Amino acid sequence: MSEKTTALVTGANKGIGYEIAAGLGALGLRVGVGARDEQRREDAVEKLRAAGVDAFGVPLDVSDDASVAAAAASLDRLDVLVNNAGITGGTPQDPTTVDLDLLRTVLETNVFGVIRTTNALLPLLRRSPAPRIVNLSSSVGSLARQVAGQAGPVAIGYSPSKTYLNAVTLQYVRELEGTNIKINLACPGYVATDLNGHRGHRTPQEGAATAIRLATLPDDGPTGGFFDDAGPIPW
């Protein structure tokens, strides 16, 4: 069994997920690169190792029960779980014309995938001396910002999926109260990635910063919070 602090980042073969893996690796953690595509996963691991990161690949499709179970069985230790994998579902996403199958697809990855992965890995996390869970959310999931007209374009699949994820995270916080597991939500900001056609104004490295901080919180750090680089985000 590895004695080195170990993290798993889902959707880590590119973009924000890759930079979270790189940042955690630079801090000395052993990092699992969770990704569906074998070649992209292997390429990411090779690139991370070339940069000095103790990285290894984890075949993982968060929308598939068998894949998640196999990923959990492949690990002998886990201290940090970063649920980064997510999809937008594409456009348009107008409430009056949306295809319900699009909603189901988005929720399967962005919400059910987080629950599926977290539950499969909780037994390992419970054995860690300082377990941390970080769920990648978005300011578009903030109801307060939506009411204020500050939450981006109409997107009935993606935006509510992040609101749902926020609520789900708080349910975990309530159940895990009294344990040493800290679980928080990170908003990366509007990052230029494949997810948005590289329209964002922030770099993936900038977008990874909050998740890295929350993944390495000290024992007196917060739990049950929703943060971006500037601090807490209104719910």
Protein backbone atom coordinates (compact mmCIF):
# COMPACT_ATOMS: atom_id res chain seq x y z
CA MET A 1 0.00 0.00 0.00
CA SER A 2 1.26 3.45 -0.90
CA GLU A 3 2.21 5.65 2.05
CA LYS A 4 2.15 8.80 -0.06
CA THR A 5 -0.80 11.19 0.06
CA THR A 6 -2.88 10.24 -2.97
CA ALA A 7 -5.40 12.19 -4.99
CA LEU A 8 -7.78 11.24 -7.77
CA VAL A 9 -8.98 13.89 -10.20
CA THR A 10 -11.83 12.96 -12.54
CA GLY A 11 -11.75 14.32 -16.07
CA ALA A 12 -8.06 15.04 -15.61
CA ASN A 13 -6.71 14.41 -19.09
CA LYS A 14 -7.09 18.07 -20.16
CA GLY A 15 -8.19 21.56 -19.17
CA ILE A 16 -8.90 22.43 -15.56
CA GLY A 17 -8.74 18.81 -14.43
CA TYR A 18 -5.26 18.40 -15.86
CA GLU A 19 -4.06 21.57 -14.15
CA ILE A 20 -5.54 20.45 -10.83
CA ALA A 21 -3.62 17.20 -11.18
CA ALA A 22 -0.46 19.11 -12.08
CA GLY A 23 -0.87 21.50 -9.17
CA LEU A 24 -1.46 18.74 -6.63
CA GLY A 25 1.48 16.82 -8.04
CA ALA A 26 3.71 19.88 -7.69
CA LEU A 27 2.79 19.91 -3.99
CA GLY A 28 4.09 16.37 -3.66
CA LEU A 29 0.89 14.35 -3.92
CA ARG A 30 0.62 11.13 -5.88
CA VAL A 31 -2.07 11.85 -8.47
CA GLY A 32 -4.48 9.58 -10.29
CA VAL A 33 -5.56 10.87 -13.68
CA GLY A 34 -9.16 9.77 -14.08
CA ALA A 35 -10.33 9.80 -17.70
CA ARG A 36 -12.43 7.78 -20.14
CA ASP A 37 -10.22 8.00 -23.22
CA GLU A 38 -7.24 5.67 -22.94
CA GLN A 39 -4.89 7.56 -25.24
CA ARG A 40 -5.65 10.97 -23.75
CA ARG A 41 -5.25 9.53 -20.28
CA GLU A 42 -1.89 7.98 -21.12
CA ASP A 43 -0.71 11.19 -22.80
CA ALA A 44 -1.67 13.23 -19.73
CA VAL A 45 0.13 10.84 -17.39
CA GLU A 46 3.25 10.93 -19.56
CA LYS A 47 3.21 14.74 -19.64
CA LEU A 48 2.74 14.97 -15.87
CA ARG A 49 5.55 12.51 -15.22
CA ALA A 50 7.83 14.51 -17.51
CA ALA A 51 7.11 17.49 -15.27
CA GLY A 52 8.12 15.51 -12.19
CA VAL A 53 4.65 14.53 -10.98
CA ASP A 54 4.06 11.09 -9.46
CA ALA A 55 1.09 10.40 -11.74
CA PHE A 56 -0.79 7.26 -12.73
CA GLY A 57 -3.78 6.60 -14.95
CA VAL A 58 -7.21 5.51 -13.75
CA PRO A 59 -9.70 4.36 -16.41
CA LEU A 60 -12.87 6.13 -15.32
CA ASP A 61 -16.23 7.01 -16.82
CA VAL A 62 -18.23 8.64 -14.03
CA SER A 63 -21.51 7.89 -15.82
CA ASP A 64 -20.90 4.13 -15.76
CA ASP A 65 -21.40 2.01 -12.61
CA ALA A 66 -18.97 -0.71 -13.63
CA SER A 67 -16.25 1.77 -14.59
CA VAL A 68 -16.50 3.60 -11.27
CA ALA A 69 -16.49 0.36 -9.29
CA ALA A 70 -13.41 -0.86 -11.16
CA ALA A 71 -11.63 2.45 -10.55
CA ALA A 72 -12.32 2.24 -6.83
CA ALA A 73 -11.10 -1.37 -6.71
CA SER A 74 -7.85 -0.38 -8.44
CA LEU A 75 -6.82 2.03 -5.68
CA ASP A 76 -5.15 1.05 -2.42
CA ARG A 77 -5.26 4.51 -0.88
CA LEU A 78 -7.11 7.77 -1.40
CA ASP A 79 -6.83 11.02 0.53
CA VAL A 80 -8.20 13.55 -1.94
CA LEU A 81 -11.06 13.24 -4.43
CA VAL A 82 -11.63 16.04 -6.93
CA ASN A 83 -14.89 15.56 -8.82
CA ASN A 84 -14.00 17.63 -11.86
CA ALA A 85 -15.55 15.70 -14.77
CA GLY A 86 -18.48 17.57 -16.28
CA ILE A 87 -20.28 18.41 -19.51
CA THR A 88 -22.36 21.36 -20.71
CA GLY A 89 -24.73 19.39 -22.88
CA GLY A 90 -24.25 21.78 -25.79
CA THR A 91 -26.59 24.47 -27.06
CA PRO A 92 -29.30 25.64 -27.25
CA GLN A 93 -30.70 25.03 -23.77
CA ASP A 94 -33.84 27.13 -23.73
CA PRO A 95 -36.39 25.90 -21.16
CA THR A 96 -39.33 26.01 -23.59
CA THR A 97 -37.72 23.90 -26.29
CA VAL A 98 -35.17 21.72 -24.51
CA ASP A 99 -34.89 18.02 -25.27
CA LEU A 100 -35.41 16.17 -21.99
CA ASP A 101 -32.81 13.60 -23.03
CA LEU A 102 -30.24 16.43 -22.94
CA LEU A 103 -31.17 17.14 -19.32
CA ARG A 104 -30.82 13.48 -18.41
CA THR A 105 -27.39 13.30 -20.06
CA VAL A 106 -26.11 16.40 -18.26
CA LEU A 107 -27.40 15.25 -14.88
CA GLU A 108 -25.95 11.76 -15.39
CA THR A 109 -22.43 13.21 -15.50
CA ASN A 110 -22.61 16.43 -13.51
CA VAL A 111 -24.68 15.17 -10.58
CA PHE A 112 -25.21 11.42 -10.59
CA GLY A 113 -21.60 10.90 -11.64
CA VAL A 114 -20.38 12.82 -8.61
CA ILE A 115 -22.63 10.80 -6.29
CA ARG A 116 -21.64 7.52 -7.92
CA THR A 117 -17.91 8.28 -7.72
CA THR A 118 -17.97 9.74 -4.23
CA ASN A 119 -19.89 6.80 -2.78
CA ALA A 120 -17.59 4.26 -4.40
CA LEU A 121 -14.51 5.98 -2.98
CA LEU A 122 -15.77 6.92 0.47
CA PRO A 123 -14.52 3.70 2.10
CA LEU A 124 -10.96 4.60 1.06
CA LEU A 125 -11.37 8.25 2.05
CA ARG A 126 -12.63 7.27 5.50
CA ARG A 127 -9.31 5.51 6.10
CA SER A 128 -7.32 8.67 5.28
CA PRO A 129 -5.90 10.81 8.11
CA ALA A 130 -7.03 13.99 6.31
CA PRO A 131 -9.61 13.24 3.60
CA ARG A 132 -10.72 16.04 1.28
CA ILE A 133 -13.45 16.10 -1.37
CA VAL A 134 -13.73 18.95 -3.85
CA ASN A 135 -16.67 19.21 -6.24
CA LEU A 136 -16.22 21.48 -9.25
CA SER A 137 -19.24 23.72 -9.44
CA SER A 138 -19.83 27.07 -11.15
CA SER A 139 -21.15 30.49 -10.29
CA VAL A 140 -23.96 29.81 -12.79
CA GLY A 141 -25.30 27.39 -10.18
CA SER A 142 -25.74 30.21 -7.66
CA LEU A 143 -29.43 30.98 -7.24
CA ALA A 144 -28.57 34.36 -5.77
CA ARG A 145 -26.54 35.31 -8.82
CA GLN A 146 -29.22 34.00 -11.17
CA VAL A 147 -31.82 36.19 -9.47
CA ALA A 148 -29.43 39.14 -9.78
CA GLY A 149 -28.91 38.43 -13.47
CA GLN A 150 -25.23 37.62 -12.97
CA ALA A 151 -25.17 33.94 -13.91
CA GLY A 152 -24.43 33.83 -17.62
CA PRO A 153 -26.73 32.74 -20.47
CA VAL A 154 -29.89 30.67 -20.16
CA ALA A 155 -28.87 27.01 -19.93
CA ILE A 156 -31.56 24.83 -18.41
CA GLY A 157 -29.33 21.76 -18.45
CA TYR A 158 -25.95 23.01 -17.30
CA SER A 159 -26.81 25.79 -14.83
CA PRO A 160 -29.37 23.83 -12.78
CA SER A 161 -27.05 20.82 -12.78
CA LYS A 162 -24.57 22.92 -10.82
CA THR A 163 -27.30 24.16 -8.47
CA TYR A 164 -28.28 20.54 -7.92
CA LEU A 165 -24.64 19.61 -7.32
CA ASN A 166 -24.37 22.38 -4.72
CA ALA A 167 -27.42 21.03 -2.89
CA VAL A 168 -26.14 17.45 -3.11
CA THR A 169 -22.80 18.53 -1.65
CA LEU A 170 -24.54 20.05 1.36
CA GLN A 171 -26.35 16.77 1.94
CA TYR A 172 -22.96 15.03 2.14
CA VAL A 173 -21.74 17.70 4.53
CA ARG A 174 -24.70 17.01 6.81
CA GLU A 175 -24.24 13.24 6.74
CA LEU A 176 -20.46 13.45 7.24
CA GLU A 177 -20.68 15.92 10.12
CA GLY A 178 -18.47 14.77 12.96
CA THR A 179 -16.00 13.00 10.67
CA ASN A 180 -12.66 14.38 9.49
CA ILE A 181 -13.85 14.50 5.86
CA LYS A 182 -13.94 18.03 4.48
CA ILE A 183 -16.06 18.59 1.38
CA ASN A 184 -16.31 21.87 -0.50
CA LEU A 185 -17.36 23.33 -3.83
CA ALA A 186 -14.97 25.18 -6.12
CA CYS A 187 -15.86 27.59 -8.91
CA PRO A 188 -13.03 27.91 -11.44
CA GLY A 189 -14.45 31.01 -13.13
CA TYR A 190 -14.89 31.48 -16.86
CA VAL A 191 -11.94 29.43 -18.09
CA ALA A 192 -10.95 28.93 -21.72
CA THR A 193 -11.44 25.17 -22.24
CA ASP A 194 -12.97 22.75 -24.73
CA LEU A 195 -16.12 22.90 -22.59
CA ASN A 196 -16.93 26.42 -23.77
CA GLY A 197 -15.12 26.52 -27.10
CA HIS A 198 -12.20 28.34 -25.44
CA ARG A 199 -14.27 31.50 -25.02
CA GLY A 200 -13.31 32.00 -21.37
CA HIS A 201 -10.94 34.74 -20.23
CA ARG A 202 -9.13 32.74 -17.54
CA THR A 203 -6.43 30.11 -18.03
CA PRO A 204 -6.87 26.52 -16.88
CA GLN A 205 -4.08 27.12 -14.36
CA GLU A 206 -6.03 30.03 -12.89
CA GLY A 207 -9.19 27.95 -12.87
CA ALA A 208 -7.48 25.14 -10.97
CA ALA A 209 -6.23 27.31 -8.10
CA THR A 210 -9.31 27.23 -5.85
CA ALA A 211 -9.76 23.46 -6.21
CA ILE A 212 -6.09 22.88 -5.34
CA ARG A 213 -6.43 25.05 -2.24
CA LEU A 214 -9.57 23.24 -1.09
CA ALA A 215 -8.00 19.84 -1.79
CA THR A 216 -5.11 20.62 0.54
CA LEU A 217 -6.92 22.40 3.37
CA PRO A 218 -5.42 22.20 6.87
CA ASP A 219 -7.35 20.45 9.62
CA ASP A 220 -8.92 23.73 10.73
CA GLY A 221 -10.07 24.60 7.20
CA PRO A 222 -13.72 25.02 6.19
CA THR A 223 -16.19 22.41 5.08
CA GLY A 224 -19.52 22.88 3.34
CA GLY A 225 -18.45 26.03 1.50
CA PHE A 226 -18.81 27.32 -2.05
CA PHE A 227 -15.73 29.28 -3.13
CA ASP A 228 -13.95 30.97 -5.98
CA ASP A 229 -10.66 32.86 -5.98
CA ALA A 230 -12.27 35.86 -4.26
CA GLY A 231 -13.80 33.84 -1.42
CA PRO A 232 -17.29 32.50 -0.65
CA ILE A 233 -19.95 32.56 -3.38
CA PRO A 234 -23.58 33.28 -2.44
CA TRP A 235 -25.84 30.26 -2.72
